[in-house]
Amino acid sequence: MSVSVSCPDRACIAHRARRSRRQSSPEPARPPSAPPPPATASVDAPTPRARNLRVNALHSSPPRKRRCNPRAHSVRLGLAFFLAAPGALIGAPINGYLLGDTFPWSKTILFSAIIILAGTVILTFGRILLARRKGTPFV
């Protein structure tokens, strides 16, 4: 089975593959009048069925069917690059001007740190507003 690198659901795909393999080979049905098989395994050793139940408890709800949409990925990447481009294009000449002929690196470091902190404050403020609008602490 091939898995796309850009797909975020690799774990769910692997889980579905294991589940389909288990379902494709069911246990043979016993007649209703037959007694259950004798318990030969020790009490401490888990049976394969109990081991599967423990593993399946981690996946208590069925995985959601999400498909990778390359168009949505490309739109998100394009928007991120569009928003980052002005800072990359304008920041380097400003840093060059601040350096001047004597190369005082402290000015460029201070300018870059202020810009990064301003961006962090804006993103944090936006996340808080979005969380309030959704009514949950998770965005």
C-alpha atoms as a PDB file:
ATOM      1  CA  MET A   1       0.000   0.000   0.000  1.00  0.00           C
ATOM      2  CA  SER A   2       1.432   3.385  -0.918  1.00  0.00           C
ATOM      3  CA  VAL A   3       0.993   6.337   1.401  1.00  0.00           C
ATOM      4  CA  SER A   4       1.347   9.908   0.223  1.00  0.00           C
ATOM      5  CA  VAL A   5       4.021  11.888   2.055  1.00  0.00           C
ATOM      6  CA  SER A   6       1.845  14.975   2.383  1.00  0.00           C
ATOM      7  CA  CYS A   7      -1.080  13.055   3.875  1.00  0.00           C
ATOM      8  CA  PRO A   8      -1.520  13.683   7.627  1.00  0.00           C
ATOM      9  CA  ASP A   9      -3.516  10.463   8.081  1.00  0.00           C
ATOM     10  CA  ARG A  10      -0.754   7.849   7.778  1.00  0.00           C
ATOM     11  CA  ALA A  11      -1.619   6.375  11.186  1.00  0.00           C
ATOM     12  CA  CYS A  12      -5.302   6.098  10.297  1.00  0.00           C
ATOM     13  CA  ILE A  13      -4.475   4.434   6.972  1.00  0.00           C
ATOM     14  CA  ALA A  14      -2.291   1.861   8.729  1.00  0.00           C
ATOM     15  CA  HIS A  15      -5.039   1.275  11.314  1.00  0.00           C
ATOM     16  CA  ARG A  16      -7.631   0.702   8.585  1.00  0.00           C
ATOM     17  CA  ALA A  17      -5.296  -1.752   6.834  1.00  0.00           C
ATOM     18  CA  ARG A  18      -4.813  -3.779  10.040  1.00  0.00           C
ATOM     19  CA  ARG A  19      -8.555  -3.732  10.717  1.00  0.00           C
ATOM     20  CA  SER A  20      -9.423  -4.884   7.194  1.00  0.00           C
ATOM     21  CA  ARG A  21      -6.927  -7.751   7.475  1.00  0.00           C
ATOM     22  CA  ARG A  22      -8.530  -8.845  10.741  1.00  0.00           C
ATOM     23  CA  GLN A  23     -12.018  -8.653   9.271  1.00  0.00           C
ATOM     24  CA  SER A  24     -11.069 -10.531   6.116  1.00  0.00           C
ATOM     25  CA  SER A  25     -10.143 -13.686   8.084  1.00  0.00           C
ATOM     26  CA  PRO A  26     -12.925 -14.206  10.663  1.00  0.00           C
ATOM     27  CA  GLU A  27     -12.863 -16.980  13.241  1.00  0.00           C
ATOM     28  CA  PRO A  28     -14.617 -20.189  12.172  1.00  0.00           C
ATOM     29  CA  ALA A  29     -18.142 -20.317  13.520  1.00  0.00           C
ATOM     30  CA  ARG A  30     -18.916 -22.966  16.150  1.00  0.00           C
ATOM     31  CA  PRO A  31     -22.264 -24.663  16.245  1.00  0.00           C
ATOM     32  CA  PRO A  32     -24.395 -23.264  19.093  1.00  0.00           C
ATOM     33  CA  SER A  33     -24.571 -26.626  20.887  1.00  0.00           C
ATOM     34  CA  ALA A  34     -20.799 -27.121  20.980  1.00  0.00           C
ATOM     35  CA  PRO A  35     -19.125 -26.423  24.343  1.00  0.00           C
ATOM     36  CA  PRO A  36     -16.501 -23.685  24.467  1.00  0.00           C
ATOM     37  CA  PRO A  37     -12.930 -24.831  23.941  1.00  0.00           C
ATOM     38  CA  PRO A  38     -10.995 -25.697  27.084  1.00  0.00           C
ATOM     39  CA  ALA A  39      -8.871 -22.925  28.549  1.00  0.00           C
ATOM     40  CA  THR A  40      -5.309 -24.187  28.184  1.00  0.00           C
ATOM     41  CA  ALA A  41      -3.542 -20.815  28.419  1.00  0.00           C
ATOM     42  CA  SER A  42      -2.461 -19.556  31.803  1.00  0.00           C
ATOM     43  CA  VAL A  43      -4.430 -16.786  33.449  1.00  0.00           C
ATOM     44  CA  ASP A  44      -1.563 -14.290  33.195  1.00  0.00           C
ATOM     45  CA  ALA A  45      -0.881 -14.760  29.481  1.00  0.00           C
ATOM     46  CA  PRO A  46      -3.252 -12.626  27.387  1.00  0.00           C
ATOM     47  CA  THR A  47      -4.939 -14.345  24.514  1.00  0.00           C
ATOM     48  CA  PRO A  48      -4.577 -12.870  21.015  1.00  0.00           C
ATOM     49  CA  ARG A  49      -8.196 -11.718  21.230  1.00  0.00           C
ATOM     50  CA  ALA A  50      -7.556  -9.872  24.530  1.00  0.00           C
ATOM     51  CA  ARG A  51      -4.421  -8.312  23.052  1.00  0.00           C
ATOM     52  CA  ASN A  52      -6.473  -7.047  20.085  1.00  0.00           C
ATOM     53  CA  LEU A  53      -9.097  -5.626  22.438  1.00  0.00           C
ATOM     54  CA  ARG A  54      -6.413  -3.725  24.327  1.00  0.00           C
ATOM     55  CA  VAL A  55      -4.967  -2.334  21.093  1.00  0.00           C
ATOM     56  CA  ASN A  56      -8.423  -1.451  19.807  1.00  0.00           C
ATOM     57  CA  ALA A  57      -9.198   0.407  23.044  1.00  0.00           C
ATOM     58  CA  LEU A  58      -6.681   3.013  21.889  1.00  0.00           C
ATOM     59  CA  HIS A  59      -8.795   3.487  18.757  1.00  0.00           C
ATOM     60  CA  SER A  60     -12.184   3.587  20.457  1.00  0.00           C
ATOM     61  CA  SER A  61     -13.854   5.625  17.736  1.00  0.00           C
ATOM     62  CA  PRO A  62     -13.578   4.733  14.076  1.00  0.00           C
ATOM     63  CA  PRO A  63     -11.096   6.875  12.162  1.00  0.00           C
ATOM     64  CA  ARG A  64     -12.582   9.792  10.288  1.00  0.00           C
ATOM     65  CA  LYS A  65     -12.437   9.587   6.538  1.00  0.00           C
ATOM     66  CA  ARG A  66     -10.336  12.595   5.623  1.00  0.00           C
ATOM     67  CA  ARG A  67      -8.855  12.783   2.214  1.00  0.00           C
ATOM     68  CA  CYS A  68      -5.765  14.750   1.317  1.00  0.00           C
ATOM     69  CA  ASN A  69      -6.742  17.660  -0.871  1.00  0.00           C
ATOM     70  CA  PRO A  70      -3.722  18.963  -2.811  1.00  0.00           C
ATOM     71  CA  ARG A  71      -5.614  22.096  -3.810  1.00  0.00           C
ATOM     72  CA  ALA A  72      -6.260  23.017  -0.168  1.00  0.00           C
ATOM     73  CA  HIS A  73      -2.582  22.436   0.680  1.00  0.00           C
ATOM     74  CA  SER A  74      -1.450  24.628  -2.197  1.00  0.00           C
ATOM     75  CA  VAL A  75      -3.836  27.424  -1.214  1.00  0.00           C
ATOM     76  CA  ARG A  76      -2.575  27.375   2.375  1.00  0.00           C
ATOM     77  CA  LEU A  77       1.072  27.366   1.307  1.00  0.00           C
ATOM     78  CA  GLY A  78       0.458  30.164  -1.193  1.00  0.00           C
ATOM     79  CA  LEU A  79      -1.233  32.287   1.449  1.00  0.00           C
ATOM     80  CA  ALA A  80       1.599  31.671   3.937  1.00  0.00           C
ATOM     81  CA  PHE A  81       4.255  32.651   1.373  1.00  0.00           C
ATOM     82  CA  PHE A  82       2.205  35.688   0.324  1.00  0.00           C
ATOM     83  CA  LEU A  83       2.088  36.904   3.920  1.00  0.00           C
ATOM     84  CA  ALA A  84       5.776  36.152   4.603  1.00  0.00           C
ATOM     85  CA  ALA A  85       7.161  37.668   1.378  1.00  0.00           C
ATOM     86  CA  PRO A  86       6.916  41.384   2.295  1.00  0.00           C
ATOM     87  CA  GLY A  87       8.830  40.801   5.523  1.00  0.00           C
ATOM     88  CA  ALA A  88      11.536  38.874   3.717  1.00  0.00           C
ATOM     89  CA  LEU A  89      11.802  41.470   0.935  1.00  0.00           C
ATOM     90  CA  ILE A  90      11.754  44.531   3.188  1.00  0.00           C
ATOM     91  CA  GLY A  91      13.663  43.204   6.212  1.00  0.00           C
ATOM     92  CA  ALA A  92      16.997  42.595   4.476  1.00  0.00           C
ATOM     93  CA  PRO A  93      17.413  46.157   3.056  1.00  0.00           C
ATOM     94  CA  ILE A  94      16.426  47.683   6.421  1.00  0.00           C
ATOM     95  CA  ASN A  95      19.010  45.525   8.180  1.00  0.00           C
ATOM     96  CA  GLY A  96      21.579  46.542   5.576  1.00  0.00           C
ATOM     97  CA  TYR A  97      20.821  50.213   6.171  1.00  0.00           C
ATOM     98  CA  LEU A  98      21.095  49.732   9.934  1.00  0.00           C
ATOM     99  CA  LEU A  99      24.491  48.067   9.523  1.00  0.00           C
ATOM    100  CA  GLY A 100      25.974  51.005   7.616  1.00  0.00           C
ATOM    101  CA  ASP A 101      29.734  51.211   7.184  1.00  0.00           C
ATOM    102  CA  THR A 102      30.718  50.364  10.763  1.00  0.00           C
ATOM    103  CA  PHE A 103      28.715  47.116  11.048  1.00  0.00           C
ATOM    104  CA  PRO A 104      27.063  47.518  14.485  1.00  0.00           C
ATOM    105  CA  TRP A 105      25.276  44.163  14.587  1.00  0.00           C
ATOM    106  CA  SER A 106      23.410  45.087  17.765  1.00  0.00           C
ATOM    107  CA  LYS A 107      21.085  47.382  15.768  1.00  0.00           C
ATOM    108  CA  THR A 108      20.099  44.665  13.293  1.00  0.00           C
ATOM    109  CA  ILE A 109      19.639  42.099  16.047  1.00  0.00           C
ATOM    110  CA  LEU A 110      17.441  44.502  18.002  1.00  0.00           C
ATOM    111  CA  PHE A 111      15.359  45.377  14.907  1.00  0.00           C
ATOM    112  CA  SER A 112      14.821  41.701  14.015  1.00  0.00           C
ATOM    113  CA  ALA A 113      13.932  40.800  17.610  1.00  0.00           C
ATOM    114  CA  ILE A 114      11.350  43.600  17.813  1.00  0.00           C
ATOM    115  CA  ILE A 115       9.751  42.512  14.537  1.00  0.00           C
ATOM    116  CA  ILE A 116       9.618  38.853  15.639  1.00  0.00           C
ATOM    117  CA  LEU A 117       8.099  39.790  19.014  1.00  0.00           C
ATOM    118  CA  ALA A 118       5.505  42.000  17.289  1.00  0.00           C
ATOM    119  CA  GLY A 119       4.554  39.081  15.022  1.00  0.00           C
ATOM    120  CA  THR A 120       4.278  36.779  18.023  1.00  0.00           C
ATOM    121  CA  VAL A 121       1.976  39.211  19.815  1.00  0.00           C
ATOM    122  CA  ILE A 122      -0.240  39.559  16.735  1.00  0.00           C
ATOM    123  CA  LEU A 123      -0.502  35.787  16.245  1.00  0.00           C
ATOM    124  CA  THR A 124      -1.224  35.193  19.944  1.00  0.00           C
ATOM    125  CA  PHE A 125      -3.911  37.873  19.928  1.00  0.00           C
ATOM    126  CA  GLY A 126      -5.476  36.319  16.821  1.00  0.00           C
ATOM    127  CA  ARG A 127      -5.466  32.862  18.413  1.00  0.00           C
ATOM    128  CA  ILE A 128      -7.171  34.207  21.551  1.00  0.00           C
ATOM    129  CA  LEU A 129      -9.860  35.915  19.475  1.00  0.00           C
ATOM    130  CA  LEU A 130     -10.450  32.762  17.426  1.00  0.00           C
ATOM    131  CA  ALA A 131     -10.670  30.602  20.557  1.00  0.00           C
ATOM    132  CA  ARG A 132     -13.231  32.982  22.072  1.00  0.00           C
ATOM    133  CA  ARG A 133     -15.290  32.935  18.889  1.00  0.00           C
ATOM    134  CA  LYS A 134     -15.291  29.124  18.813  1.00  0.00           C
ATOM    135  CA  GLY A 135     -15.944  28.917  22.559  1.00  0.00           C
ATOM    136  CA  THR A 136     -13.148  26.448  23.210  1.00  0.00           C
ATOM    137  CA  PRO A 137      -9.542  26.751  24.396  1.00  0.00           C
ATOM    138  CA  PHE A 138      -8.447  24.774  21.319  1.00  0.00           C
ATOM    139  CA  VAL A 139      -8.279  26.361  17.903  1.00  0.00           C
END
